[in-house]
C-alpha atoms as a PDB file:
ATOM      1  CA  MET A   1     -56.556  17.897  -9.057  1.00  0.00           C
ATOM      2  CA  PHE A   2     -54.687  21.171  -8.458  1.00  0.00           C
ATOM      3  CA  ALA A   3     -52.845  21.365 -11.761  1.00  0.00           C
ATOM      4  CA  PRO A   4     -53.171  25.153 -12.225  1.00  0.00           C
ATOM      5  CA  SER A   5     -51.636  25.676  -8.763  1.00  0.00           C
ATOM      6  CA  VAL A   6     -48.642  23.490  -9.585  1.00  0.00           C
ATOM      7  CA  TYR A   7     -48.038  25.327 -12.846  1.00  0.00           C
ATOM      8  CA  LEU A   8     -48.423  28.720 -11.161  1.00  0.00           C
ATOM      9  CA  TYR A   9     -46.017  27.730  -8.389  1.00  0.00           C
ATOM     10  CA  ASP A  10     -43.485  26.652 -11.027  1.00  0.00           C
ATOM     11  CA  ARG A  11     -43.832  30.006 -12.839  1.00  0.00           C
ATOM     12  CA  LEU A  12     -43.385  31.964  -9.584  1.00  0.00           C
ATOM     13  CA  VAL A  13     -40.327  29.981  -8.490  1.00  0.00           C
ATOM     14  CA  GLN A  14     -38.758  30.544 -11.908  1.00  0.00           C
ATOM     15  CA  LYS A  15     -39.325  34.282 -11.528  1.00  0.00           C
ATOM     16  CA  VAL A  16     -37.337  34.262  -8.297  1.00  0.00           C
ATOM     17  CA  ILE A  17     -34.570  31.791  -9.160  1.00  0.00           C
ATOM     18  CA  VAL A  18     -34.041  32.397 -12.878  1.00  0.00           C
ATOM     19  CA  ASN A  19     -35.004  36.059 -13.187  1.00  0.00           C
ATOM     20  CA  GLY A  20     -34.039  37.184  -9.683  1.00  0.00           C
ATOM     21  CA  GLU A  21     -37.343  39.001  -9.244  1.00  0.00           C
ATOM     22  CA  ASP A  22     -38.231  40.503  -5.874  1.00  0.00           C
ATOM     23  CA  MET A  23     -41.651  39.117  -5.020  1.00  0.00           C
ATOM     24  CA  SER A  24     -42.263  41.934  -2.531  1.00  0.00           C
ATOM     25  CA  ARG A  25     -42.189  44.604  -5.240  1.00  0.00           C
ATOM     26  CA  TYR A  26     -44.748  45.515  -7.886  1.00  0.00           C
ATOM     27  CA  PRO A  27     -46.157  43.680  -9.779  1.00  0.00           C
ATOM     28  CA  ASN A  28     -45.434  40.576  -7.711  1.00  0.00           C
ATOM     29  CA  PRO A  29     -46.774  41.153  -4.162  1.00  0.00           C
ATOM     30  CA  ASN A  30     -50.138  39.552  -4.925  1.00  0.00           C
ATOM     31  CA  SER A  31     -48.519  36.386  -6.238  1.00  0.00           C
ATOM     32  CA  LEU A  32     -48.888  34.521  -2.940  1.00  0.00           C
ATOM     33  CA  TRP A  33     -52.610  35.366  -2.907  1.00  0.00           C
ATOM     34  CA  ASP A  34     -52.885  34.277  -6.556  1.00  0.00           C
ATOM     35  CA  TYR A  35     -51.195  30.986  -5.707  1.00  0.00           C
ATOM     36  CA  GLN A  36     -53.529  30.352  -2.778  1.00  0.00           C
ATOM     37  CA  ILE A  37     -56.692  31.174  -4.697  1.00  0.00           C
ATOM     38  CA  SER A  38     -55.573  29.008  -7.635  1.00  0.00           C
ATOM     39  CA  PHE A  39     -56.342  25.945  -5.493  1.00  0.00           C
ATOM     40  CA  SER A  40     -60.038  26.701  -6.001  1.00  0.00           C
ATOM     41  CA  THR A  41     -59.793  26.029  -9.746  1.00  0.00           C
ATOM     42  CA  GLY A  42     -59.139  22.313  -9.784  1.00  0.00           C
ATOM     43  CA  ARG A  43     -61.223  19.713 -11.555  1.00  0.00           C
ATOM     44  CA  GLY A  44     -64.592  19.378  -9.893  1.00  0.00           C
ATOM     45  CA  ALA A  45     -64.585  22.847  -8.295  1.00  0.00           C
ATOM     46  CA  LEU A  46     -68.245  23.752  -7.977  1.00  0.00           C
ATOM     47  CA  VAL A  47     -70.291  26.385  -6.160  1.00  0.00           C
ATOM     48  CA  TRP A  48     -73.895  25.243  -5.674  1.00  0.00           C
ATOM     49  CA  GLY A  49     -73.398  22.821  -8.541  1.00  0.00           C
ATOM     50  CA  VAL A  50     -72.103  25.467 -10.943  1.00  0.00           C
ATOM     51  CA  PRO A  51     -68.499  25.163 -12.172  1.00  0.00           C
ATOM     52  CA  LEU A  52     -66.226  27.724 -10.528  1.00  0.00           C
ATOM     53  CA  ILE A  53     -64.470  30.106 -12.908  1.00  0.00           C
ATOM     54  CA  LEU A  54     -61.601  32.234 -11.625  1.00  0.00           C
ATOM     55  CA  VAL A  55     -61.481  35.647 -13.298  1.00  0.00           C
ATOM     56  CA  SER A  56     -58.054  37.273 -13.427  1.00  0.00           C
ATOM     57  CA  ASN A  57     -56.008  39.448 -15.728  1.00  0.00           C
ATOM     58  CA  ASP A  58     -52.767  38.250 -14.130  1.00  0.00           C
ATOM     59  CA  GLU A  59     -50.544  36.883 -16.914  1.00  0.00           C
ATOM     60  CA  ASP A  60     -49.026  34.128 -14.769  1.00  0.00           C
ATOM     61  CA  MET A  61     -52.440  33.003 -13.540  1.00  0.00           C
ATOM     62  CA  LEU A  62     -53.883  32.878 -17.066  1.00  0.00           C
ATOM     63  CA  ALA A  63     -50.807  31.090 -18.419  1.00  0.00           C
ATOM     64  CA  SER A  64     -50.902  28.490 -15.631  1.00  0.00           C
ATOM     65  CA  GLY A  65     -54.512  27.733 -16.520  1.00  0.00           C
ATOM     66  CA  LEU A  66     -53.663  27.227 -20.176  1.00  0.00           C
ATOM     67  CA  GLU A  67     -50.476  25.266 -19.513  1.00  0.00           C
ATOM     68  CA  SER A  68     -52.277  22.906 -17.145  1.00  0.00           C
ATOM     69  CA  GLY A  69     -55.198  22.315 -19.495  1.00  0.00           C
ATOM     70  CA  HIS A  70     -57.592  24.262 -17.258  1.00  0.00           C
ATOM     71  CA  GLY A  71     -57.809  27.438 -19.309  1.00  0.00           C
ATOM     72  CA  HIS A  72     -61.589  27.140 -19.214  1.00  0.00           C
ATOM     73  CA  ARG A  73     -61.445  27.502 -15.405  1.00  0.00           C
ATOM     74  CA  ILE A  74     -59.250  30.624 -15.352  1.00  0.00           C
ATOM     75  CA  MET A  75     -60.248  33.370 -17.733  1.00  0.00           C
ATOM     76  CA  SER A  76     -59.516  37.026 -18.282  1.00  0.00           C
ATOM     77  CA  PHE A  77     -62.050  39.676 -17.389  1.00  0.00           C
ATOM     78  CA  PRO A  78     -62.874  40.377 -21.067  1.00  0.00           C
ATOM     79  CA  ALA A  79     -63.429  36.633 -21.677  1.00  0.00           C
ATOM     80  CA  TYR A  80     -65.676  36.473 -18.611  1.00  0.00           C
ATOM     81  CA  LEU A  81     -67.700  39.465 -19.825  1.00  0.00           C
ATOM     82  CA  SER A  82     -68.063  37.741 -23.174  1.00  0.00           C
ATOM     83  CA  LEU A  83     -69.374  34.650 -21.420  1.00  0.00           C
ATOM     84  CA  LEU A  84     -71.884  36.758 -19.491  1.00  0.00           C
ATOM     85  CA  SER A  85     -73.060  38.488 -22.653  1.00  0.00           C
ATOM     86  CA  GLN A  86     -74.567  35.202 -23.838  1.00  0.00           C
ATOM     87  CA  PRO A  87     -78.363  34.992 -23.588  1.00  0.00           C
ATOM     88  CA  SER A  88     -79.255  33.222 -20.339  1.00  0.00           C
ATOM     89  CA  ASP A  89     -80.791  30.281 -22.212  1.00  0.00           C
ATOM     90  CA  ASP A  90     -77.440  29.782 -23.931  1.00  0.00           C
ATOM     91  CA  LEU A  91     -75.357  30.277 -20.782  1.00  0.00           C
ATOM     92  CA  TRP A  92     -76.107  26.979 -19.004  1.00  0.00           C
ATOM     93  CA  PRO A  93     -74.946  24.779 -21.887  1.00  0.00           C
ATOM     94  CA  LEU A  94     -71.746  26.832 -21.968  1.00  0.00           C
ATOM     95  CA  LEU A  95     -71.235  26.290 -18.244  1.00  0.00           C
ATOM     96  CA  ASP A  96     -71.947  22.583 -18.702  1.00  0.00           C
ATOM     97  CA  ALA A  97     -68.982  22.528 -21.058  1.00  0.00           C
ATOM     98  CA  TYR A  98     -66.871  23.682 -18.096  1.00  0.00           C
ATOM     99  CA  ALA A  99     -68.097  20.866 -15.859  1.00  0.00           C
ATOM    100  CA  PRO A 100     -65.541  18.380 -14.581  1.00  0.00           C
END
């Protein structure tokens, strides 16, 4: 249910243990927030019946979405803008493809 969160947590722990990164220094301080918000991207995440899409340019967040098979739930800002550029009649079928 929270696959992207598990993958993101794994990536963050590896940064600390394997790479020795300081999570309090740029660019890592927002990682705890990213981890917490990633719980909103699980299968079945809806807002008023519309599938929730998390928009982020964070590399770890995007990678965790792809690695967990939920890349359609976490997308970059350019990908989101591309989605929005679709004519509104074409947008709902695209969002249906993101449904759980």
